[in-house]
């Protein structure tokens, strides 16, 4: 019974963090909201890989908060063209599976010159047996850098999907 209560508390805490992120998102522009949401989900997924019991819940919540913060900052600063370029570089890096660095640059970004790079840091598989690749992405906007981490897994249809 204690395990069930612990799981319920963890679900409520994680759900509360996501509700807070979505509620705060009502005050944001669409790029910032998307960045906050995606960053929060990705950060929560990464944080969920650490700790046990209540520690796992805390790591998930902390990861969601950090991811939402970084994602919101990037969403605020990258225009649509820069986001497309960053996504394209991410998909190229993940599909290649090599540790090569994939770069993009948009000097005409609306918040100042933007550039970034993505590279795969680890190859493995998830619990379902899908091939997955961890990657790191660095984005520079008007001289300031942000770094984010992610995981993408190979789908049955041959496409790569970023795990949120």
N, C-alpha and C. Protein backbone atom coordinates (compact mmCIF):
# COMPACT_ATOMS: atom_id res chain seq x y z
N UNK A 1 0.82 -1.19 0.00
CA UNK A 1 0.00 0.00 0.00
C UNK A 1 0.86 1.25 0.00
N UNK A 2 2.00 1.21 0.71
CA UNK A 2 2.89 2.37 0.76
C UNK A 2 3.44 2.70 -0.61
N UNK A 3 3.78 1.65 -1.38
CA UNK A 3 4.30 1.87 -2.73
C UNK A 3 3.26 2.55 -3.61
N UNK A 4 2.01 2.13 -3.48
CA UNK A 4 0.93 2.72 -4.27
C UNK A 4 0.76 4.19 -3.91
N UNK A 5 0.76 4.51 -2.60
CA UNK A 5 0.63 5.90 -2.18
C UNK A 5 1.80 6.74 -2.68
N UNK A 6 3.00 6.16 -2.62
CA UNK A 6 4.19 6.88 -3.09
C UNK A 6 4.07 7.18 -4.58
N UNK A 7 3.61 6.20 -5.35
CA UNK A 7 3.45 6.41 -6.80
C UNK A 7 2.39 7.48 -7.08
N UNK A 8 1.31 7.44 -6.31
CA UNK A 8 0.24 8.43 -6.50
C UNK A 8 0.77 9.82 -6.17
N UNK A 9 1.50 9.95 -5.05
CA UNK A 9 2.08 11.25 -4.68
C UNK A 9 3.03 11.74 -5.78
N UNK A 10 3.85 10.82 -6.30
CA UNK A 10 4.79 11.19 -7.35
C UNK A 10 4.07 11.66 -8.60
N UNK A 11 3.00 10.97 -8.97
CA UNK A 11 2.22 11.35 -10.14
C UNK A 11 1.58 12.71 -9.93
N UNK A 12 1.05 12.95 -8.72
CA UNK A 12 0.42 14.24 -8.42
C UNK A 12 1.46 15.35 -8.48
N UNK A 13 2.64 15.13 -7.89
CA UNK A 13 3.69 16.15 -7.91
C UNK A 13 4.13 16.47 -9.33
N UNK A 14 4.37 15.42 -10.13
CA UNK A 14 4.80 15.64 -11.51
C UNK A 14 3.70 16.33 -12.29
N UNK A 15 2.46 15.89 -12.11
CA UNK A 15 1.33 16.53 -12.79
C UNK A 15 1.20 17.99 -12.40
N UNK A 16 1.42 18.29 -11.13
CA UNK A 16 1.35 19.68 -10.66
C UNK A 16 2.40 20.54 -11.32
N UNK A 17 3.62 19.99 -11.47
CA UNK A 17 4.69 20.75 -12.12
C UNK A 17 4.31 21.05 -13.57
N UNK A 18 3.74 20.07 -14.26
CA UNK A 18 3.35 20.28 -15.66
C UNK A 18 2.20 21.27 -15.77
N UNK A 19 1.22 21.20 -14.85
CA UNK A 19 0.11 22.15 -14.85
C UNK A 19 0.64 23.56 -14.63
N UNK A 20 1.59 23.72 -13.72
CA UNK A 20 2.20 25.03 -13.48
C UNK A 20 2.87 25.55 -14.74
N UNK A 21 3.61 24.67 -15.43
CA UNK A 21 4.29 25.11 -16.65
C UNK A 21 3.28 25.55 -17.71
N UNK A 22 2.18 24.80 -17.86
CA UNK A 22 1.17 25.16 -18.86
C UNK A 22 0.46 26.44 -18.45
N UNK A 23 0.16 26.60 -17.15
CA UNK A 23 -0.50 27.81 -16.67
C UNK A 23 0.35 29.04 -16.92
N UNK A 24 1.63 28.94 -16.59
CA UNK A 24 2.53 30.06 -16.84
C UNK A 24 2.66 30.32 -18.33
N UNK A 25 2.50 29.27 -19.13
CA UNK A 25 2.61 29.41 -20.57
C UNK A 25 1.55 30.31 -21.16
N UNK A 26 0.44 30.53 -20.46
CA UNK A 26 -0.61 31.40 -20.96
C UNK A 26 -0.14 32.83 -21.13
N UNK A 27 0.92 33.21 -20.44
CA UNK A 27 1.46 34.56 -20.52
C UNK A 27 2.55 34.68 -21.58
N UNK A 28 2.85 33.61 -22.27
CA UNK A 28 3.99 33.58 -23.19
C UNK A 28 3.53 33.62 -24.64
N UNK A 29 4.47 33.97 -25.52
CA UNK A 29 4.24 33.87 -26.95
C UNK A 29 4.30 32.40 -27.36
N UNK A 30 3.89 32.08 -28.58
CA UNK A 30 3.81 30.69 -29.00
C UNK A 30 5.18 30.00 -29.02
N UNK A 31 6.25 30.68 -29.46
CA UNK A 31 7.58 30.07 -29.46
C UNK A 31 8.04 29.78 -28.05
N UNK A 32 7.82 30.73 -27.16
CA UNK A 32 8.24 30.56 -25.77
C UNK A 32 7.43 29.44 -25.11
N UNK A 33 6.13 29.40 -25.37
CA UNK A 33 5.28 28.35 -24.80
C UNK A 33 5.74 26.98 -25.30
N UNK A 34 5.97 26.86 -26.60
CA UNK A 34 6.42 25.59 -27.15
C UNK A 34 7.76 25.19 -26.55
N UNK A 35 8.68 26.13 -26.45
CA UNK A 35 9.99 25.83 -25.86
C UNK A 35 9.87 25.42 -24.41
N UNK A 36 9.03 26.10 -23.65
CA UNK A 36 8.83 25.77 -22.24
C UNK A 36 8.22 24.38 -22.09
N UNK A 37 7.21 24.10 -22.89
CA UNK A 37 6.53 22.81 -22.80
C UNK A 37 7.47 21.67 -23.19
N UNK A 38 8.11 21.79 -24.33
CA UNK A 38 9.01 20.74 -24.81
C UNK A 38 10.19 20.59 -23.86
N UNK A 39 10.75 21.70 -23.42
CA UNK A 39 11.87 21.64 -22.48
C UNK A 39 11.47 21.00 -21.17
N UNK A 40 10.29 21.33 -20.67
CA UNK A 40 9.81 20.74 -19.42
C UNK A 40 9.61 19.24 -19.51
N UNK A 41 9.02 18.82 -20.61
CA UNK A 41 8.78 17.39 -20.80
C UNK A 41 10.10 16.65 -20.96
N UNK A 42 10.98 17.18 -21.79
CA UNK A 42 12.29 16.53 -22.00
C UNK A 42 13.10 16.51 -20.71
N UNK A 43 13.10 17.62 -19.99
CA UNK A 43 13.82 17.68 -18.72
C UNK A 43 13.27 16.70 -17.71
N UNK A 44 11.95 16.57 -17.65
CA UNK A 44 11.32 15.60 -16.75
C UNK A 44 11.69 14.18 -17.12
N UNK A 45 11.71 13.88 -18.41
CA UNK A 45 12.07 12.54 -18.86
C UNK A 45 13.52 12.22 -18.51
N UNK A 46 14.40 13.19 -18.69
CA UNK A 46 15.80 12.96 -18.35
C UNK A 46 15.96 12.83 -16.83
N UNK A 47 15.32 13.71 -16.06
CA UNK A 47 15.39 13.64 -14.61
C UNK A 47 14.83 12.34 -14.05
N UNK A 48 13.85 11.77 -14.74
CA UNK A 48 13.22 10.53 -14.30
C UNK A 48 14.19 9.34 -14.34
N UNK A 49 15.30 9.48 -15.03
CA UNK A 49 16.27 8.39 -15.12
C UNK A 49 17.11 8.26 -13.86
N UNK A 50 16.99 9.21 -12.92
CA UNK A 50 17.83 9.23 -11.74
C UNK A 50 17.01 9.01 -10.48
N UNK A 51 17.64 8.44 -9.47
CA UNK A 51 17.03 8.28 -8.16
C UNK A 51 16.05 7.13 -8.09
N UNK A 52 15.57 6.88 -6.88
CA UNK A 52 14.58 5.84 -6.63
C UNK A 52 13.53 6.40 -5.69
N UNK A 53 12.31 5.91 -5.76
CA UNK A 53 11.25 6.34 -4.86
C UNK A 53 11.01 7.83 -4.95
N UNK A 54 10.96 8.49 -3.78
CA UNK A 54 10.73 9.94 -3.75
C UNK A 54 11.87 10.69 -4.41
N UNK A 55 13.08 10.14 -4.39
CA UNK A 55 14.22 10.77 -5.06
C UNK A 55 14.02 10.84 -6.56
N UNK A 56 13.40 9.82 -7.11
CA UNK A 56 13.10 9.80 -8.54
C UNK A 56 12.08 10.88 -8.89
N UNK A 57 11.08 11.02 -8.03
CA UNK A 57 10.06 12.04 -8.23
C UNK A 57 10.69 13.43 -8.19
N UNK A 58 11.56 13.64 -7.21
CA UNK A 58 12.23 14.94 -7.09
C UNK A 58 13.11 15.22 -8.30
N UNK A 59 13.84 14.21 -8.76
CA UNK A 59 14.69 14.39 -9.94
C UNK A 59 13.85 14.69 -11.18
N UNK A 60 12.70 14.03 -11.31
CA UNK A 60 11.80 14.29 -12.44
C UNK A 60 11.29 15.73 -12.40
N UNK A 61 10.84 16.15 -11.23
CA UNK A 61 10.31 17.51 -11.08
C UNK A 61 11.39 18.55 -11.33
N UNK A 62 12.59 18.33 -10.77
CA UNK A 62 13.69 19.27 -10.98
C UNK A 62 14.07 19.32 -12.47
N UNK A 63 14.14 18.16 -13.10
CA UNK A 63 14.44 18.12 -14.53
C UNK A 63 13.41 18.88 -15.35
N UNK A 64 12.14 18.74 -14.98
CA UNK A 64 11.06 19.44 -15.69
C UNK A 64 11.19 20.95 -15.53
N UNK A 65 11.50 21.40 -14.33
CA UNK A 65 11.64 22.84 -14.09
C UNK A 65 12.84 23.40 -14.85
N UNK A 66 13.98 22.72 -14.79
CA UNK A 66 15.17 23.19 -15.50
C UNK A 66 14.92 23.16 -17.01
N UNK A 67 14.35 22.06 -17.49
CA UNK A 67 14.07 21.96 -18.93
C UNK A 67 13.11 23.03 -19.41
N UNK A 68 12.08 23.32 -18.62
CA UNK A 68 11.12 24.37 -18.98
C UNK A 68 11.79 25.73 -19.04
N UNK A 69 12.68 25.99 -18.11
CA UNK A 69 13.39 27.27 -18.08
C UNK A 69 14.27 27.44 -19.31
N UNK A 70 15.08 26.42 -19.60
CA UNK A 70 15.97 26.49 -20.77
C UNK A 70 15.16 26.53 -22.05
N UNK A 71 14.13 25.67 -22.15
CA UNK A 71 13.30 25.64 -23.35
C UNK A 71 12.58 26.95 -23.59
N UNK A 72 12.08 27.58 -22.52
CA UNK A 72 11.40 28.87 -22.65
C UNK A 72 12.34 29.95 -23.14
N UNK A 73 13.56 29.94 -22.62
CA UNK A 73 14.56 30.93 -23.04
C UNK A 73 14.89 30.77 -24.52
N UNK A 74 15.06 29.52 -24.93
CA UNK A 74 15.37 29.29 -26.35
C UNK A 74 14.18 29.65 -27.23
N UNK A 75 12.98 29.28 -26.80
CA UNK A 75 11.78 29.60 -27.58
C UNK A 75 11.56 31.09 -27.73
N UNK A 76 11.92 31.85 -26.70
CA UNK A 76 11.80 33.31 -26.75
C UNK A 76 12.74 33.91 -27.78
N UNK A 77 13.88 33.27 -27.96
CA UNK A 77 14.95 33.89 -28.71
C UNK A 77 15.13 33.36 -30.13
N UNK A 78 14.63 32.18 -30.44
CA UNK A 78 14.80 31.62 -31.77
C UNK A 78 13.55 31.87 -32.61
N UNK A 79 13.74 32.47 -33.77
CA UNK A 79 12.60 32.64 -34.66
C UNK A 79 12.31 31.31 -35.36
N UNK A 80 11.24 31.29 -36.15
CA UNK A 80 10.81 30.04 -36.77
C UNK A 80 11.88 29.44 -37.67
N UNK A 81 12.55 30.26 -38.47
CA UNK A 81 13.58 29.74 -39.36
C UNK A 81 14.73 29.11 -38.57
N UNK A 82 15.15 29.74 -37.49
CA UNK A 82 16.22 29.19 -36.66
C UNK A 82 15.80 27.88 -36.01
N UNK A 83 14.54 27.81 -35.57
CA UNK A 83 14.05 26.56 -34.98
C UNK A 83 14.06 25.44 -35.99
N UNK A 84 13.68 25.73 -37.22
CA UNK A 84 13.70 24.72 -38.28
C UNK A 84 15.13 24.25 -38.53
N UNK A 85 16.06 25.19 -38.58
CA UNK A 85 17.46 24.84 -38.81
C UNK A 85 18.01 23.98 -37.67
N UNK A 86 17.66 24.32 -36.42
CA UNK A 86 18.12 23.56 -35.26
C UNK A 86 17.53 22.15 -35.29
N UNK A 87 16.25 22.04 -35.62
CA UNK A 87 15.60 20.73 -35.69
C UNK A 87 16.22 19.87 -36.79
N UNK A 88 16.49 20.48 -37.94
CA UNK A 88 17.11 19.75 -39.06
C UNK A 88 18.48 19.21 -38.66
N UNK A 89 19.29 20.03 -37.99
CA UNK A 89 20.62 19.59 -37.54
C UNK A 89 20.49 18.46 -36.53
N UNK A 90 19.50 18.56 -35.64
CA UNK A 90 19.29 17.51 -34.64
C UNK A 90 18.93 16.19 -35.32
N UNK A 91 18.02 16.23 -36.27
CA UNK A 91 17.62 15.00 -36.96
C UNK A 91 18.77 14.41 -37.78
N UNK A 92 19.59 15.26 -38.40
CA UNK A 92 20.75 14.76 -39.14
C UNK A 92 21.74 14.08 -38.20
N UNK A 93 22.00 14.68 -37.05
CA UNK A 93 22.94 14.11 -36.09
C UNK A 93 22.43 12.76 -35.58
N UNK A 94 21.15 12.71 -35.23
CA UNK A 94 20.57 11.49 -34.69
C UNK A 94 20.55 10.38 -35.74
N UNK A 95 20.17 10.72 -36.96
CA UNK A 95 20.11 9.72 -38.03
C UNK A 95 21.50 9.16 -38.35
N UNK A 96 22.52 10.01 -38.25
CA UNK A 96 23.87 9.54 -38.58
C UNK A 96 24.40 8.60 -37.50
N UNK A 97 24.10 8.88 -36.25
CA UNK A 97 24.58 8.05 -35.16
C UNK A 97 26.05 8.24 -34.84
N UNK A 98 26.74 9.05 -35.62
CA UNK A 98 28.16 9.27 -35.35
C UNK A 98 28.31 10.41 -34.35
N UNK A 99 29.51 10.60 -33.88
CA UNK A 99 29.75 11.69 -32.94
C UNK A 99 30.12 12.98 -33.67
N UNK A 100 29.95 12.99 -35.01
CA UNK A 100 30.21 14.20 -35.78
C UNK A 100 29.35 15.34 -35.28
N UNK A 101 29.84 16.55 -35.41
CA UNK A 101 29.10 17.74 -34.99
C UNK A 101 28.36 18.31 -36.19
N UNK A 102 27.06 18.52 -36.03
CA UNK A 102 26.22 19.10 -37.08
C UNK A 102 25.92 20.54 -36.67
N UNK A 103 26.24 21.47 -37.56
CA UNK A 103 26.10 22.89 -37.22
C UNK A 103 25.03 23.55 -38.09
N UNK A 104 24.49 24.64 -37.57
CA UNK A 104 23.57 25.48 -38.31
C UNK A 104 23.84 26.93 -37.90
N UNK A 105 23.43 27.85 -38.76
CA UNK A 105 23.66 29.27 -38.48
C UNK A 105 22.59 30.11 -39.17
N UNK A 106 22.06 31.09 -38.44
CA UNK A 106 21.08 32.02 -39.00
C UNK A 106 21.43 33.43 -38.53
N UNK A 107 22.23 34.16 -39.33
CA UNK A 107 22.59 35.52 -38.94
C UNK A 107 21.40 36.47 -38.93
N UNK A 108 20.29 36.08 -39.58
CA UNK A 108 19.11 36.95 -39.65
C UNK A 108 18.06 36.60 -38.59
N UNK A 109 18.41 35.83 -37.57
CA UNK A 109 17.47 35.50 -36.49
C UNK A 109 16.91 36.79 -35.90
N UNK A 110 15.62 36.82 -35.60
CA UNK A 110 14.97 38.05 -35.16
C UNK A 110 15.47 38.59 -33.82
N UNK A 111 16.04 37.75 -32.96
CA UNK A 111 16.55 38.21 -31.66
C UNK A 111 18.07 38.40 -31.66
N UNK A 112 18.66 38.43 -32.83
CA UNK A 112 20.11 38.53 -32.94
C UNK A 112 20.65 37.28 -33.60
N UNK A 113 21.87 37.34 -34.10
CA UNK A 113 22.44 36.18 -34.80
C UNK A 113 22.35 34.92 -33.95
N UNK A 114 21.96 33.82 -34.57
CA UNK A 114 21.82 32.54 -33.87
C UNK A 114 22.59 31.47 -34.61
N UNK A 115 23.18 30.57 -33.85
CA UNK A 115 23.90 29.44 -34.41
C UNK A 115 23.86 28.31 -33.40
N UNK A 116 24.13 27.12 -33.86
CA UNK A 116 24.12 26.00 -32.94
C UNK A 116 24.84 24.81 -33.49
N UNK A 117 24.99 23.83 -32.63
CA UNK A 117 25.60 22.58 -33.03
C UNK A 117 24.97 21.45 -32.23
N UNK A 118 24.94 20.27 -32.86
CA UNK A 118 24.34 19.09 -32.24
C UNK A 118 25.25 17.91 -32.51
N UNK A 119 25.44 17.07 -31.49
CA UNK A 119 26.15 15.82 -31.74
C UNK A 119 25.65 14.72 -30.82
N UNK A 120 25.71 13.49 -31.32
CA UNK A 120 25.28 12.31 -30.57
C UNK A 120 26.37 11.98 -29.56
N UNK A 121 25.95 11.75 -28.32
CA UNK A 121 26.92 11.45 -27.26
C UNK A 121 26.88 9.99 -26.82
N UNK A 122 25.76 9.30 -27.08
CA UNK A 122 25.67 7.90 -26.68
C UNK A 122 24.61 7.19 -27.50
N UNK A 123 24.90 5.94 -27.85
CA UNK A 123 23.97 5.11 -28.61
C UNK A 123 23.61 3.91 -27.74
N UNK A 124 22.33 3.56 -27.71
CA UNK A 124 21.89 2.42 -26.90
C UNK A 124 20.48 2.03 -27.29
N UNK A 125 19.77 1.41 -26.36
CA UNK A 125 18.38 1.05 -26.62
C UNK A 125 17.57 1.27 -25.35
N UNK A 126 16.26 1.45 -25.54
CA UNK A 126 15.37 1.66 -24.40
C UNK A 126 14.79 0.33 -23.94
N UNK A 127 13.92 0.36 -22.94
CA UNK A 127 13.34 -0.85 -22.38
C UNK A 127 12.51 -1.63 -23.40
N UNK A 128 11.99 -0.93 -24.41
CA UNK A 128 11.18 -1.58 -25.45
C UNK A 128 12.05 -2.18 -26.55
N UNK A 129 13.37 -1.99 -26.45
CA UNK A 129 14.28 -2.54 -27.44
C UNK A 129 14.54 -1.63 -28.64
N UNK A 130 13.99 -0.41 -28.62
CA UNK A 130 14.22 0.52 -29.72
C UNK A 130 15.65 1.06 -29.65
N UNK A 131 16.26 1.26 -30.80
CA UNK A 131 17.56 1.92 -30.84
C UNK A 131 17.35 3.38 -30.49
N UNK A 132 18.15 3.89 -29.55
CA UNK A 132 18.02 5.27 -29.11
C UNK A 132 19.38 5.94 -29.11
N UNK A 133 19.38 7.24 -29.27
CA UNK A 133 20.61 8.02 -29.28
C UNK A 133 20.43 9.26 -28.42
N UNK A 134 21.35 9.44 -27.49
CA UNK A 134 21.38 10.66 -26.68
C UNK A 134 22.20 11.68 -27.44
N UNK A 135 21.79 12.93 -27.32
CA UNK A 135 22.52 13.99 -28.01
C UNK A 135 22.60 15.24 -27.14
N UNK A 136 23.54 16.09 -27.49
CA UNK A 136 23.67 17.38 -26.82
C UNK A 136 23.57 18.45 -27.91
N UNK A 137 22.85 19.52 -27.59
CA UNK A 137 22.65 20.62 -28.52
C UNK A 137 23.07 21.92 -27.83
N UNK A 138 23.89 22.69 -28.51
CA UNK A 138 24.31 23.98 -27.99
C UNK A 138 23.80 25.05 -28.95
N UNK A 139 23.14 26.07 -28.40
CA UNK A 139 22.60 27.16 -29.21
C UNK A 139 23.19 28.47 -28.69
N UNK A 140 23.66 29.30 -29.62
CA UNK A 140 24.17 30.63 -29.28
C UNK A 140 23.27 31.67 -29.93
N UNK A 141 22.76 32.57 -29.11
CA UNK A 141 21.90 33.64 -29.60
C UNK A 141 22.48 34.95 -29.11
N UNK A 142 22.82 35.82 -30.05
CA UNK A 142 23.40 37.12 -29.71
C UNK A 142 24.54 36.98 -28.71
N UNK A 143 25.38 35.97 -28.91
CA UNK A 143 26.58 35.79 -28.08
C UNK A 143 26.38 34.99 -26.81
N UNK A 144 25.15 34.61 -26.44
CA UNK A 144 24.91 33.83 -25.23
C UNK A 144 24.57 32.39 -25.60
N UNK A 145 25.15 31.45 -24.87
CA UNK A 145 24.97 30.03 -25.17
C UNK A 145 24.06 29.34 -24.17
N UNK A 146 23.31 28.38 -24.66
CA UNK A 146 22.49 27.48 -23.85
C UNK A 146 22.76 26.08 -24.35
N UNK A 147 22.77 25.12 -23.44
CA UNK A 147 23.01 23.73 -23.81
C UNK A 147 21.82 22.90 -23.36
N UNK A 148 21.42 21.96 -24.19
CA UNK A 148 20.30 21.08 -23.86
C UNK A 148 20.67 19.65 -24.25
N UNK A 149 20.06 18.69 -23.58
CA UNK A 149 20.32 17.29 -23.84
C UNK A 149 19.00 16.63 -24.23
N UNK A 150 19.08 15.61 -25.07
CA UNK A 150 17.86 14.93 -25.49
C UNK A 150 18.13 13.49 -25.86
N UNK A 151 17.05 12.78 -26.13
CA UNK A 151 17.10 11.38 -26.55
C UNK A 151 16.13 11.23 -27.71
N UNK A 152 16.57 10.54 -28.75
CA UNK A 152 15.69 10.22 -29.87
C UNK A 152 15.75 8.71 -30.10
N UNK A 153 14.60 8.12 -30.43
CA UNK A 153 14.54 6.68 -30.65
C UNK A 153 13.99 6.37 -32.04
N UNK A 154 14.46 5.27 -32.60
CA UNK A 154 14.07 4.84 -33.94
C UNK A 154 12.70 4.18 -33.89
N UNK A 155 11.78 4.69 -34.68
CA UNK A 155 10.42 4.14 -34.75
C UNK A 155 10.38 2.97 -35.74
N UNK A 156 9.32 2.18 -35.68
CA UNK A 156 9.16 1.03 -36.56
C UNK A 156 9.15 1.42 -38.04
N UNK A 157 8.69 2.65 -38.34
CA UNK A 157 8.62 3.10 -39.74
C UNK A 157 9.96 3.65 -40.25
N UNK A 158 11.00 3.59 -39.41
CA UNK A 158 12.32 4.05 -39.83
C UNK A 158 12.60 5.52 -39.51
N UNK A 159 11.64 6.22 -38.95
CA UNK A 159 11.85 7.63 -38.59
C UNK A 159 12.37 7.72 -37.15
N UNK A 160 13.00 8.85 -36.86
CA UNK A 160 13.50 9.10 -35.50
C UNK A 160 12.52 10.03 -34.80
N UNK A 161 12.22 9.72 -33.54
CA UNK A 161 11.30 10.55 -32.77
C UNK A 161 12.00 10.97 -31.49
N UNK A 162 11.99 12.28 -31.23
CA UNK A 162 12.56 12.80 -30.00
C UNK A 162 11.63 12.39 -28.87
N UNK A 163 12.20 11.79 -27.84
CA UNK A 163 11.43 11.34 -26.68
C UNK A 163 11.25 12.51 -25.75
N UNK A 164 10.06 12.86 -25.43
CA UNK A 164 9.77 14.03 -24.59
C UNK A 164 9.57 13.62 -23.17
